[in-house]
Protein backbone atom coordinates (compact mmCIF):
# COMPACT_ATOMS: atom_id res chain seq x y z
CA MET A 1 174.93 142.93 63.24
CA ASP A 2 177.28 143.88 66.11
CA GLU A 3 180.90 143.03 65.19
CA LYS A 4 181.49 140.99 68.50
CA PHE A 5 178.95 138.68 66.98
CA SER A 6 179.10 135.86 64.34
CA PHE A 7 176.46 134.17 62.39
CA ILE A 8 176.70 130.57 61.72
CA LYS A 9 174.28 128.04 60.14
CA ALA A 10 174.11 124.24 59.59
CA TYR A 11 176.93 123.61 61.84
CA GLN A 12 175.19 120.55 63.65
CA HIS A 13 178.49 118.18 62.98
CA ASN A 14 180.68 120.58 64.71
CA ASN A 15 180.73 119.12 68.46
CA GLU A 16 181.81 122.35 70.17
CA LEU A 17 179.02 124.46 68.30
CA ARG A 18 176.45 121.67 68.74
CA LYS A 19 177.00 121.57 72.38
CA SER A 20 176.46 125.31 72.85
CA PHE A 21 173.29 124.86 70.81
CA ASN A 22 172.09 122.18 73.27
CA ASP A 23 173.07 123.84 76.28
CA LEU A 24 170.90 126.99 75.39
CA SER A 25 167.96 124.66 74.15
CA LYS A 26 168.00 122.70 77.50
CA THR A 27 167.91 126.09 79.14
CA ILE A 28 165.14 127.56 77.24
CA HIS A 29 163.10 124.69 75.87
CA ALA A 30 164.09 121.75 78.14
CA ILE A 31 165.12 119.80 74.99
CA ASP A 32 168.58 118.02 74.49
CA PHE A 33 169.02 117.32 70.76
CA GLU A 34 172.13 115.33 71.35
CA ASP A 35 170.79 111.78 71.38
CA TRP A 36 168.75 112.50 68.26
CA TYR A 37 172.21 113.64 66.59
CA GLU A 38 173.91 110.53 67.93
CA ASN A 39 171.25 108.24 66.54
CA GLY A 40 171.88 109.63 63.00
CA TYR A 41 168.57 111.38 62.74
CA TRP A 42 169.67 114.92 62.83
CA LYS A 43 170.69 115.57 59.03
CA SER A 44 169.90 118.37 56.76
CA ASN A 45 166.13 118.16 57.85
CA TYR A 46 166.85 120.53 60.68
CA ILE A 47 169.26 123.39 60.14
CA PRO A 48 170.12 125.68 62.96
CA TYR A 49 170.85 129.59 61.98
CA SER A 50 172.51 130.94 65.12
CA VAL A 51 174.40 134.00 66.41
CA PHE A 52 177.48 133.21 68.54
CA ASP A 53 179.41 135.46 70.79
CA LYS A 54 182.90 133.61 70.18
CA THR A 55 182.08 129.94 70.82
CA THR A 56 178.79 130.46 72.81
CA MET A 57 175.63 130.53 71.17
CA VAL A 58 173.34 133.22 72.26
CA SER A 59 170.37 133.18 69.64
CA ASN A 60 168.80 130.85 67.31
CA VAL A 61 166.24 130.20 64.80
CA SER A 62 166.07 126.62 63.12
CA VAL A 63 164.49 125.76 59.97
CA SER A 64 162.96 122.52 58.76
CA PRO A 65 162.52 121.99 54.88
CA MET A 66 159.54 119.76 54.40
CA GLN A 67 157.62 118.25 51.64
CA PHE A 68 153.80 117.72 52.04
CA SER A 69 151.53 115.93 49.64
CA TYR A 70 147.96 117.53 49.30
CA ASP A 71 145.41 117.02 46.78
CA ASN A 72 147.66 114.83 44.51
CA LYS A 73 150.37 117.69 44.50
CA THR A 74 153.68 118.02 46.47
CA TYR A 75 154.39 121.35 48.33
CA ASN A 76 157.75 122.41 49.60
CA LEU A 77 157.18 124.21 52.88
CA LEU A 78 159.52 125.44 55.50
CA GLN A 79 158.88 125.41 59.24
CA ILE A 80 160.55 127.59 61.67
CA GLY A 81 161.02 126.28 65.25
CA THR A 82 163.42 126.33 68.32
CA VAL A 83 163.35 130.04 68.38
CA MET A 84 165.44 131.31 71.56
CA THR A 85 167.83 133.92 72.88
CA LYS A 86 170.06 133.81 75.91
CA GLU A 87 168.52 136.15 78.49
CA SER A 88 171.10 138.52 78.90
CA TYR A 89 171.35 139.07 74.98
CA ARG A 90 167.71 139.70 74.24
CA ASN A 91 166.30 143.07 72.70
CA ASN A 92 169.41 143.24 70.35
CA GLY A 93 167.30 142.38 67.34
CA LEU A 94 169.18 139.11 66.91
CA ILE A 95 166.10 137.01 65.91
CA ARG A 96 165.05 139.72 63.55
CA GLY A 97 168.45 139.43 61.85
CA LEU A 98 168.20 135.52 61.87
CA LEU A 99 164.76 135.54 60.34
CA HIS A 100 166.01 138.04 57.53
CA GLU A 101 168.80 135.44 56.68
CA ILE A 102 166.44 132.58 56.45
CA GLU A 103 164.13 134.47 54.11
CA LEU A 104 167.24 135.52 52.03
CA ASP A 105 168.22 131.71 51.62
CA TYR A 106 164.70 130.56 50.73
CA GLN A 107 163.03 133.25 48.74
CA ASP A 108 161.43 131.64 45.88
CA LYS A 109 162.05 128.19 46.92
CA THR A 110 159.14 127.45 49.18
CA ASP A 111 155.40 127.35 48.78
CA GLY A 112 155.11 128.72 52.39
CA ILE A 113 156.82 129.10 55.57
CA PHE A 114 155.08 128.19 59.00
CA LEU A 115 155.51 128.27 62.50
CA PHE A 116 154.03 127.82 66.10
CA ALA A 117 154.19 130.62 68.52
CA ASN A 118 153.44 130.79 72.05
CA ASP A 119 151.03 133.66 73.51
CA HIS A 120 154.04 135.73 74.61
CA VAL A 121 154.98 136.47 70.99
CA LEU A 122 151.67 136.75 69.22
CA ASP A 123 152.35 140.38 68.11
CA PHE A 124 155.94 139.67 66.87
CA TYR A 125 155.52 137.54 63.59
CA PRO A 126 153.09 139.68 62.06
CA LYS A 127 155.94 142.23 61.74
CA PHE A 128 157.61 139.97 59.25
CA GLY A 129 154.36 139.39 57.25
CA TYR A 130 153.14 136.13 59.11
CA LYS A 131 149.32 135.75 59.57
CA LYS A 132 147.66 133.75 62.29
CA TYR A 133 145.75 130.63 60.71
CA LYS A 134 143.06 128.47 62.29
CA GLU A 135 143.84 124.66 62.64
CA TYR A 136 141.13 122.09 63.08
CA GLU A 137 141.02 118.80 65.03
CA TYR A 138 139.22 115.78 63.93
CA PHE A 139 137.35 113.44 66.36
CA LYS A 140 134.56 110.91 66.45
CA THR A 141 132.95 108.99 69.24
CA LEU A 142 132.79 105.01 69.39
CA ASP A 143 130.94 102.28 70.55
CA CYS A 144 133.47 99.38 70.73
CA ASN A 145 133.02 96.11 72.46
CA THR A 146 136.25 94.29 71.53
CA SER A 147 139.17 93.20 73.42
CA LYS A 148 142.49 94.94 73.18
CA ILE A 149 144.80 93.49 70.73
CA ALA A 150 147.20 96.50 70.16
CA GLU A 151 150.74 95.32 70.95
CA ARG A 152 152.85 97.79 72.79
CA VAL A 153 156.38 97.83 71.08
CA SER A 154 159.37 98.10 73.11
CA LEU A 155 161.98 100.62 71.75
CA GLU A 156 164.81 98.79 73.93
CA ASN A 157 164.83 96.16 71.42
CA LYS A 158 166.98 97.45 68.64
CA ALA A 159 165.47 95.08 66.08
CA ASN A 160 161.97 96.87 66.73
CA VAL A 161 163.55 100.34 66.14
CA GLU A 162 164.52 99.03 62.90
CA LEU A 163 161.15 97.79 62.07
CA ILE A 164 159.57 101.17 63.14
CA LYS A 165 162.08 103.21 60.86
CA SER A 166 161.26 100.84 57.92
CA ALA A 167 157.45 101.05 58.40
CA ILE A 168 157.79 104.93 58.60
CA THR A 169 159.98 105.09 55.43
CA SER A 170 157.66 102.68 53.41
CA SER A 171 154.09 104.01 54.98
CA CYS A 172 151.68 105.01 52.46
CA PRO A 173 149.81 108.45 53.12
CA GLN A 174 147.31 107.84 55.98
CA SER A 175 146.25 111.57 56.18
CA GLU A 176 145.10 114.08 53.75
CA PHE A 177 147.91 116.46 54.46
CA PHE A 178 150.78 114.05 54.55
CA LEU A 179 154.38 114.84 55.61
CA GLN A 180 156.66 113.00 53.07
CA ASN A 181 160.24 111.32 53.99
CA ASN A 182 159.63 112.23 57.76
CA MET A 183 161.22 109.31 59.54
CA GLU A 184 163.96 111.40 61.34
CA LEU A 185 161.31 113.78 62.59
CA ALA A 186 159.04 110.93 63.63
CA MET A 187 161.73 109.20 65.39
CA PHE A 188 162.51 112.34 67.36
CA TYR A 189 159.11 112.13 68.95
CA ILE A 190 159.03 108.30 69.25
CA THR A 191 162.46 108.00 70.98
CA LYS A 192 162.10 111.07 73.22
CA PHE A 193 158.58 111.79 74.28
CA MET A 194 156.52 108.87 72.92
CA GLN A 195 158.63 105.89 73.83
CA LYS A 196 155.65 104.19 75.65
CA ASN A 197 153.25 105.05 72.87
CA VAL A 198 154.08 103.12 70.06
CA TYR A 199 151.90 100.04 69.22
CA TYR A 200 151.52 97.41 66.48
CA ILE A 201 148.30 96.26 65.21
CA LYS A 202 149.05 93.01 63.20
CA SER A 203 145.66 92.94 61.43
CA GLN A 204 146.41 96.10 59.83
CA LYS A 205 150.25 95.65 59.54
CA ALA A 206 150.26 98.92 61.16
CA TYR A 207 152.54 100.94 63.52
CA VAL A 208 150.46 103.25 65.48
CA VAL A 209 151.56 106.12 67.82
CA ALA A 210 148.89 106.93 70.23
CA GLU A 211 147.93 107.50 73.93
CA GLU A 212 144.72 106.58 75.87
CA ASN A 213 143.45 108.59 78.72
CA HIS A 214 140.15 108.21 80.34
CA GLY A 215 138.45 106.64 77.46
CA ILE A 216 139.94 108.97 74.85
CA LEU A 217 142.32 107.59 72.42
CA TYR A 218 144.78 110.22 70.82
CA ILE A 219 145.98 108.96 67.47
CA TYR A 220 149.08 110.92 66.86
CA ASP A 221 150.16 108.95 63.56
CA ILE A 222 149.79 105.82 61.63
CA PHE A 223 152.64 103.95 59.72
CA ALA A 224 151.35 101.22 57.45
CA PRO A 225 152.01 99.83 53.78
CA ASN A 226 148.46 100.20 52.90
CA THR A 227 145.58 102.56 53.65
CA VAL A 228 143.99 101.52 57.19
CA ASN A 229 140.84 101.69 58.51
CA ILE A 230 141.25 104.09 61.40
CA ASP A 231 138.02 102.75 63.20
CA LYS A 232 139.55 99.43 63.44
CA ILE A 233 142.70 100.71 64.63
CA ALA A 234 140.71 102.30 67.52
CA PHE A 235 138.88 98.95 68.23
CA ALA A 236 142.25 97.24 68.46
CA PHE A 237 142.64 99.45 71.63
CA GLY A 238 139.71 97.77 73.35
CA LYS A 239 136.51 98.59 74.76
CA GLU A 240 137.53 101.33 77.17
CA VAL A 241 137.83 103.71 74.11
CA LYS A 242 134.90 105.65 73.74
CA LYS A 243 136.38 108.47 71.49
CA ILE A 244 139.23 108.95 69.13
CA VAL A 245 141.02 112.34 68.44
CA LEU A 246 143.45 112.50 65.64
CA GLY A 247 146.72 114.36 65.51
CA PHE A 248 146.54 114.92 61.77
CA THR A 249 143.96 115.42 59.13
CA PRO A 250 142.03 112.17 58.13
CA LEU A 251 141.57 110.98 54.43
CA LYS A 252 137.80 110.88 54.90
CA LYS A 253 137.32 114.18 56.72
CA GLU A 254 133.44 113.72 56.17
CA THR A 255 133.16 110.80 58.63
CA TYR A 256 134.59 112.74 61.63
CA ASP A 257 133.34 115.77 63.88
CA ARG A 258 135.64 118.88 63.66
CA LYS A 259 136.51 121.66 65.80
CA GLU A 260 138.79 124.66 65.96
CA VAL A 261 141.92 124.08 67.86
CA HIS A 262 142.26 126.43 70.97
CA GLU A 263 146.00 126.22 72.32
CA LYS A 264 147.71 129.19 73.57
CA VAL A 265 151.28 127.72 73.13
CA LEU A 266 150.73 126.47 69.60
CA THR A 267 149.18 129.37 67.36
CA LEU A 268 149.96 128.76 63.77
CA PHE A 269 151.40 131.51 61.86
CA ALA A 270 152.26 131.27 58.35
CA LYS A 271 152.95 132.99 54.85
CA GLY A 272 153.12 131.88 51.26
CA THR A 273 150.96 130.67 48.38
CA PHE A 274 150.02 127.48 50.02
CA PHE A 275 148.43 129.10 53.00
CA ASP A 276 146.42 131.69 50.88
CA ASN A 277 143.35 129.00 51.32
CA MET A 278 144.56 127.27 54.47
CA GLN A 279 141.37 128.00 56.06
CA GLU A 280 138.93 126.69 53.36
CA ARG A 281 140.73 123.40 53.67
CA TYR A 282 140.34 122.70 57.41
CA LEU A 283 143.68 121.24 57.68
CA LYS A 284 145.89 120.37 60.59
CA ILE A 285 149.39 120.31 60.63
CA PRO A 286 150.46 116.69 61.72
CA ILE A 287 151.54 116.63 65.53
CA LEU A 288 154.62 114.56 64.58
CA ALA A 289 155.62 117.40 61.97
CA HIS A 290 156.12 119.94 64.65
CA THR A 291 159.61 121.08 65.23
């Protein structure tokens, strides 16, 4: 690395450096992580690896260590995200250097590394041993004639926020490929982009992150102390719902239709032993697990 640059990682508790991170993130990705930090959700679950020119961050790759349960086993996976370089510092190999540092830190410590790439960099990650993988989306049509009983939860009520956090922490797996210990990441979505998409279904004792659009109910995640019946969850949103689309892999895949996901901005790249049989498993990385 050029002598004028410095490499710093895991500096999120440094106010000055974190501000520089947020400034670039807002410019490149239109995302500000400050409120997530101030609310106590940014801990060791999201680690920035950054290049600084003095106190100005000019390039970054963040990593999120994750534990997923699948087929009665726990897998340690690492997700790469928030890849960005200030425009005037590009084409200096900074991202390449950061990826090298990450691999040095996590070699032999994970069952796999994955990331989501946009269509402008599809040729970049294969240079580092990453392969493109298919993901699958699960859906089904419904014949519903019930009234809507799903109650929208106001996040302006602090007591509700605490109840949601508790529900996430204590939830049993509602999906075949389940992200463990995911409260902080789930709250990133719930408190930023999905504030109006949180519902409570009393009969199922379930908090549901969902969005209804023209008769299609997109269920992003479900948090409940016991395994829920997803059809009943859908029926709770009323007779307008004609189809459900899941943001995760259901426990009973055989009861759903399945199609390959085609999204240019969310191409899955991965490497490691867990992903060797990824295509045969017909899995989907949970929407609320994306970083």
